[in-house]
Amino acid sequence: MPDKTTPTPRAVFLRRRALVLLLIVVALLSVGAVVGGRGSTAEAGLASEIAGQTVLRPGDTLWDIAVATAPDGISVQQQLRALQDLNGLRSDQLPAWTIVLLPAW
């Protein structure tokens, strides 16, 4: 009669498989924490410059977004320059569905 304390080969296989899966998850989380941690300081500085975001619809231009989002006391030209600088854009014509970050003044 087999000893009931000795695991079956299938149980050993399942335990090893679970252990390997656990190690893979831990490794991926560790890599994510390291990679995510590198940009956190830069992202924190950038977050203070962002007031929100908008999406360009077909036919919209960056000028249209500047006109619609320029706060009181900020000219459309200043808003346009801020939009270009914040988003790294050099053209007023952008493809539809482009996400545009809005500057915080």
N, C-alpha and C. Protein backbone atom coordinates (compact mmCIF):
# COMPACT_ATOMS: atom_id res chain seq x y z
N MET A 1 0.84 -1.17 0.00
CA MET A 1 0.00 0.00 0.00
C MET A 1 0.89 1.24 0.00
N PRO A 2 0.60 2.25 -0.89
CA PRO A 2 1.45 3.44 -0.97
C PRO A 2 1.31 4.30 0.27
N ASP A 3 2.39 4.97 0.58
CA ASP A 3 2.44 5.88 1.72
C ASP A 3 1.63 7.14 1.38
N LYS A 4 0.67 7.52 2.25
CA LYS A 4 -0.19 8.66 1.97
C LYS A 4 0.53 10.00 2.15
N THR A 5 1.69 10.02 2.76
CA THR A 5 2.43 11.27 2.93
C THR A 5 3.29 11.60 1.71
N THR A 6 3.54 10.64 0.85
CA THR A 6 4.33 10.87 -0.34
C THR A 6 3.41 11.43 -1.43
N PRO A 7 3.75 12.63 -1.95
CA PRO A 7 2.88 13.22 -2.98
C PRO A 7 2.97 12.45 -4.29
N THR A 8 1.90 12.47 -5.02
CA THR A 8 1.88 11.80 -6.31
C THR A 8 2.69 12.64 -7.31
N PRO A 9 3.13 12.02 -8.39
CA PRO A 9 3.87 12.78 -9.40
C PRO A 9 3.05 13.97 -9.94
N ARG A 10 1.76 13.78 -10.08
CA ARG A 10 0.93 14.88 -10.57
C ARG A 10 0.90 16.03 -9.56
N ALA A 11 0.84 15.75 -8.28
CA ALA A 11 0.83 16.80 -7.26
C ALA A 11 2.16 17.56 -7.27
N VAL A 12 3.25 16.84 -7.43
CA VAL A 12 4.56 17.48 -7.49
C VAL A 12 4.64 18.39 -8.72
N PHE A 13 4.15 17.90 -9.85
CA PHE A 13 4.14 18.69 -11.07
C PHE A 13 3.33 19.98 -10.88
N LEU A 14 2.16 19.89 -10.29
CA LEU A 14 1.30 21.06 -10.09
C LEU A 14 1.94 22.05 -9.12
N ARG A 15 2.58 21.55 -8.08
CA ARG A 15 3.26 22.45 -7.14
C ARG A 15 4.41 23.19 -7.82
N ARG A 16 5.19 22.47 -8.61
CA ARG A 16 6.30 23.10 -9.32
C ARG A 16 5.79 24.14 -10.32
N ARG A 17 4.72 23.80 -10.99
CA ARG A 17 4.14 24.73 -11.96
C ARG A 17 3.64 25.99 -11.26
N ALA A 18 2.99 25.84 -10.12
CA ALA A 18 2.51 26.99 -9.35
C ALA A 18 3.69 27.84 -8.87
N LEU A 19 4.76 27.20 -8.44
CA LEU A 19 5.94 27.92 -7.97
C LEU A 19 6.58 28.72 -9.12
N VAL A 20 6.70 28.11 -10.28
CA VAL A 20 7.28 28.81 -11.44
C VAL A 20 6.40 30.00 -11.82
N LEU A 21 5.10 29.81 -11.82
CA LEU A 21 4.18 30.91 -12.13
C LEU A 21 4.32 32.04 -11.12
N LEU A 22 4.42 31.69 -9.85
CA LEU A 22 4.60 32.69 -8.81
C LEU A 22 5.91 33.46 -9.00
N LEU A 23 6.97 32.77 -9.33
CA LEU A 23 8.27 33.42 -9.56
C LEU A 23 8.21 34.35 -10.78
N ILE A 24 7.50 33.95 -11.81
CA ILE A 24 7.37 34.81 -12.99
C ILE A 24 6.61 36.08 -12.64
N VAL A 25 5.52 35.95 -11.89
CA VAL A 25 4.73 37.12 -11.48
C VAL A 25 5.57 38.06 -10.62
N VAL A 26 6.31 37.52 -9.68
CA VAL A 26 7.17 38.35 -8.82
C VAL A 26 8.23 39.06 -9.66
N ALA A 27 8.82 38.35 -10.61
CA ALA A 27 9.85 38.96 -11.46
C ALA A 27 9.25 40.10 -12.30
N LEU A 28 8.07 39.89 -12.87
CA LEU A 28 7.44 40.93 -13.67
C LEU A 28 7.06 42.14 -12.82
N LEU A 29 6.58 41.91 -11.62
CA LEU A 29 6.26 43.02 -10.74
C LEU A 29 7.52 43.79 -10.34
N SER A 30 8.60 43.09 -10.13
CA SER A 30 9.85 43.75 -9.77
C SER A 30 10.36 44.60 -10.93
N VAL A 31 10.32 44.07 -12.13
CA VAL A 31 10.75 44.83 -13.30
C VAL A 31 9.85 46.05 -13.48
N GLY A 32 8.56 45.88 -13.31
CA GLY A 32 7.64 47.00 -13.43
C GLY A 32 7.90 48.08 -12.40
N ALA A 33 8.23 47.68 -11.19
CA ALA A 33 8.52 48.67 -10.14
C ALA A 33 9.79 49.44 -10.45
N VAL A 34 10.80 48.74 -10.96
CA VAL A 34 12.06 49.41 -11.30
C VAL A 34 11.85 50.37 -12.46
N VAL A 35 11.22 49.92 -13.51
CA VAL A 35 10.99 50.76 -14.69
C VAL A 35 10.05 51.91 -14.35
N GLY A 36 9.00 51.64 -13.63
CA GLY A 36 8.05 52.67 -13.24
C GLY A 36 8.66 53.68 -12.29
N GLY A 37 9.57 53.27 -11.46
CA GLY A 37 10.20 54.17 -10.50
C GLY A 37 11.13 55.17 -11.16
N ARG A 38 11.69 54.83 -12.30
CA ARG A 38 12.62 55.72 -12.98
C ARG A 38 11.95 57.00 -13.44
N GLY A 39 10.74 56.90 -13.96
CA GLY A 39 10.07 58.07 -14.50
C GLY A 39 9.21 58.81 -13.50
N SER A 40 9.11 58.34 -12.28
CA SER A 40 8.18 58.94 -11.34
C SER A 40 8.53 60.38 -11.01
N THR A 41 9.80 60.72 -10.89
CA THR A 41 10.19 62.09 -10.59
C THR A 41 9.86 63.00 -11.76
N ALA A 42 10.18 62.56 -12.96
CA ALA A 42 9.88 63.35 -14.15
C ALA A 42 8.38 63.49 -14.33
N GLU A 43 7.65 62.41 -14.08
CA GLU A 43 6.20 62.47 -14.22
C GLU A 43 5.59 63.39 -13.19
N ALA A 44 6.12 63.41 -11.99
CA ALA A 44 5.60 64.29 -10.95
C ALA A 44 5.79 65.74 -11.34
N GLY A 45 6.94 66.09 -11.94
CA GLY A 45 7.18 67.45 -12.40
C GLY A 45 6.27 67.80 -13.56
N LEU A 46 6.05 66.86 -14.47
CA LEU A 46 5.19 67.10 -15.61
C LEU A 46 3.73 67.22 -15.18
N ALA A 47 3.33 66.45 -14.18
CA ALA A 47 1.94 66.49 -13.73
C ALA A 47 1.55 67.86 -13.22
N SER A 48 2.49 68.60 -12.64
CA SER A 48 2.17 69.93 -12.14
C SER A 48 1.99 70.93 -13.28
N GLU A 49 2.43 70.57 -14.50
CA GLU A 49 2.28 71.44 -15.66
C GLU A 49 1.01 71.13 -16.45
N ILE A 50 0.31 70.05 -16.12
CA ILE A 50 -0.83 69.60 -16.90
C ILE A 50 -2.13 69.90 -16.17
N ALA A 51 -3.04 70.58 -16.88
CA ALA A 51 -4.35 70.89 -16.30
C ALA A 51 -5.41 69.88 -16.72
N GLY A 52 -5.14 69.16 -17.78
CA GLY A 52 -6.10 68.18 -18.29
C GLY A 52 -5.69 67.75 -19.68
N GLN A 53 -6.65 67.20 -20.41
CA GLN A 53 -6.37 66.76 -21.77
C GLN A 53 -7.64 66.87 -22.59
N THR A 54 -7.46 66.88 -23.88
CA THR A 54 -8.58 66.89 -24.82
C THR A 54 -8.18 66.05 -26.01
N VAL A 55 -9.16 65.66 -26.80
CA VAL A 55 -8.91 64.85 -27.99
C VAL A 55 -9.36 65.64 -29.20
N LEU A 56 -8.47 65.73 -30.19
CA LEU A 56 -8.81 66.42 -31.43
C LEU A 56 -9.83 65.61 -32.21
N ARG A 57 -10.88 66.26 -32.60
CA ARG A 57 -11.89 65.61 -33.45
C ARG A 57 -11.56 65.91 -34.90
N PRO A 58 -12.12 65.15 -35.82
CA PRO A 58 -11.85 65.42 -37.24
C PRO A 58 -12.15 66.88 -37.58
N GLY A 59 -11.18 67.53 -38.22
CA GLY A 59 -11.33 68.92 -38.61
C GLY A 59 -10.78 69.92 -37.60
N ASP A 60 -10.53 69.49 -36.36
CA ASP A 60 -9.96 70.38 -35.35
C ASP A 60 -8.49 70.66 -35.65
N THR A 61 -8.05 71.83 -35.22
CA THR A 61 -6.63 72.17 -35.30
C THR A 61 -6.16 72.53 -33.90
N LEU A 62 -4.88 72.65 -33.75
CA LEU A 62 -4.32 73.05 -32.46
C LEU A 62 -4.78 74.47 -32.12
N TRP A 63 -4.96 75.30 -33.13
CA TRP A 63 -5.47 76.65 -32.90
C TRP A 63 -6.87 76.59 -32.29
N ASP A 64 -7.72 75.70 -32.80
CA ASP A 64 -9.08 75.54 -32.25
C ASP A 64 -9.02 75.17 -30.78
N ILE A 65 -8.10 74.27 -30.43
CA ILE A 65 -7.97 73.86 -29.03
C ILE A 65 -7.47 75.03 -28.19
N ALA A 66 -6.53 75.80 -28.72
CA ALA A 66 -6.01 76.96 -27.98
C ALA A 66 -7.13 77.97 -27.73
N VAL A 67 -7.95 78.24 -28.73
CA VAL A 67 -9.06 79.18 -28.58
C VAL A 67 -10.04 78.67 -27.52
N ALA A 68 -10.36 77.39 -27.56
CA ALA A 68 -11.36 76.83 -26.65
C ALA A 68 -10.85 76.69 -25.22
N THR A 69 -9.53 76.59 -25.03
CA THR A 69 -9.02 76.28 -23.69
C THR A 69 -8.21 77.40 -23.05
N ALA A 70 -7.99 78.50 -23.75
CA ALA A 70 -7.18 79.59 -23.18
C ALA A 70 -7.90 80.20 -21.98
N PRO A 71 -7.27 80.18 -20.80
CA PRO A 71 -7.92 80.78 -19.63
C PRO A 71 -7.92 82.30 -19.70
N ASP A 72 -8.73 82.93 -18.88
CA ASP A 72 -8.77 84.39 -18.84
C ASP A 72 -7.38 84.94 -18.55
N GLY A 73 -7.00 85.97 -19.28
CA GLY A 73 -5.70 86.60 -19.08
C GLY A 73 -4.59 85.99 -19.91
N ILE A 74 -4.87 84.88 -20.61
CA ILE A 74 -3.87 84.22 -21.46
C ILE A 74 -4.33 84.36 -22.90
N SER A 75 -3.47 84.90 -23.76
CA SER A 75 -3.85 85.07 -25.16
C SER A 75 -3.88 83.71 -25.86
N VAL A 76 -4.57 83.68 -26.97
CA VAL A 76 -4.63 82.45 -27.76
C VAL A 76 -3.24 82.06 -28.23
N GLN A 77 -2.42 83.07 -28.60
CA GLN A 77 -1.05 82.78 -29.05
C GLN A 77 -0.22 82.15 -27.93
N GLN A 78 -0.37 82.67 -26.70
CA GLN A 78 0.36 82.09 -25.56
C GLN A 78 -0.11 80.66 -25.31
N GLN A 79 -1.41 80.46 -25.38
CA GLN A 79 -1.95 79.12 -25.16
C GLN A 79 -1.46 78.17 -26.25
N LEU A 80 -1.43 78.63 -27.48
CA LEU A 80 -0.96 77.80 -28.59
C LEU A 80 0.50 77.41 -28.37
N ARG A 81 1.35 78.37 -28.00
CA ARG A 81 2.76 78.07 -27.72
C ARG A 81 2.89 77.07 -26.57
N ALA A 82 2.09 77.27 -25.52
CA ALA A 82 2.14 76.36 -24.37
C ALA A 82 1.70 74.95 -24.78
N LEU A 83 0.67 74.85 -25.60
CA LEU A 83 0.22 73.54 -26.09
C LEU A 83 1.31 72.86 -26.91
N GLN A 84 1.95 73.63 -27.78
CA GLN A 84 3.02 73.07 -28.61
C GLN A 84 4.19 72.60 -27.76
N ASP A 85 4.60 73.42 -26.78
CA ASP A 85 5.73 73.06 -25.93
C ASP A 85 5.42 71.85 -25.07
N LEU A 86 4.26 71.85 -24.44
CA LEU A 86 3.90 70.76 -23.54
C LEU A 86 3.77 69.43 -24.27
N ASN A 87 3.26 69.47 -25.49
CA ASN A 87 3.01 68.24 -26.24
C ASN A 87 4.11 67.91 -27.25
N GLY A 88 5.14 68.78 -27.33
CA GLY A 88 6.24 68.53 -28.26
C GLY A 88 5.79 68.60 -29.71
N LEU A 89 4.88 69.52 -30.01
CA LEU A 89 4.32 69.64 -31.35
C LEU A 89 4.91 70.85 -32.06
N ARG A 90 5.06 70.75 -33.36
CA ARG A 90 5.55 71.87 -34.15
C ARG A 90 4.58 72.24 -35.27
N SER A 91 3.49 71.52 -35.40
CA SER A 91 2.54 71.78 -36.47
C SER A 91 1.17 72.08 -35.88
N ASP A 92 0.44 72.94 -36.56
CA ASP A 92 -0.93 73.24 -36.14
C ASP A 92 -1.88 72.16 -36.62
N GLN A 93 -1.54 71.46 -37.69
CA GLN A 93 -2.37 70.41 -38.24
C GLN A 93 -1.98 69.06 -37.64
N LEU A 94 -2.91 68.44 -36.95
CA LEU A 94 -2.66 67.15 -36.31
C LEU A 94 -3.73 66.16 -36.73
N PRO A 95 -3.42 64.87 -36.71
CA PRO A 95 -4.44 63.89 -37.07
C PRO A 95 -5.57 63.85 -36.04
N ALA A 96 -6.75 63.51 -36.52
CA ALA A 96 -7.90 63.37 -35.63
C ALA A 96 -7.59 62.31 -34.57
N TRP A 97 -8.18 62.48 -33.41
CA TRP A 97 -8.09 61.59 -32.26
C TRP A 97 -6.74 61.68 -31.55
N THR A 98 -5.96 62.70 -31.86
CA THR A 98 -4.72 62.94 -31.13
C THR A 98 -5.08 63.47 -29.75
N ILE A 99 -4.47 62.94 -28.71
CA ILE A 99 -4.68 63.42 -27.34
C ILE A 99 -3.73 64.58 -27.11
N VAL A 100 -4.28 65.71 -26.69
CA VAL A 100 -3.50 66.92 -26.45
C VAL A 100 -3.59 67.26 -24.97
N LEU A 101 -2.43 67.36 -24.32
CA LEU A 101 -2.37 67.75 -22.92
C LEU A 101 -2.56 69.26 -22.82
N LEU A 102 -3.32 69.70 -21.82
CA LEU A 102 -3.59 71.12 -21.62
C LEU A 102 -2.68 71.67 -20.53
N PRO A 103 -2.07 72.83 -20.75
CA PRO A 103 -1.15 73.39 -19.76
C PRO A 103 -1.88 73.98 -18.56
N ALA A 104 -1.24 73.86 -17.41
CA ALA A 104 -1.75 74.50 -16.19
C ALA A 104 -1.06 75.85 -16.07
N TRP A 105 -1.82 76.89 -15.90
CA TRP A 105 -1.25 78.25 -15.80
C TRP A 105 -1.18 78.67 -14.38
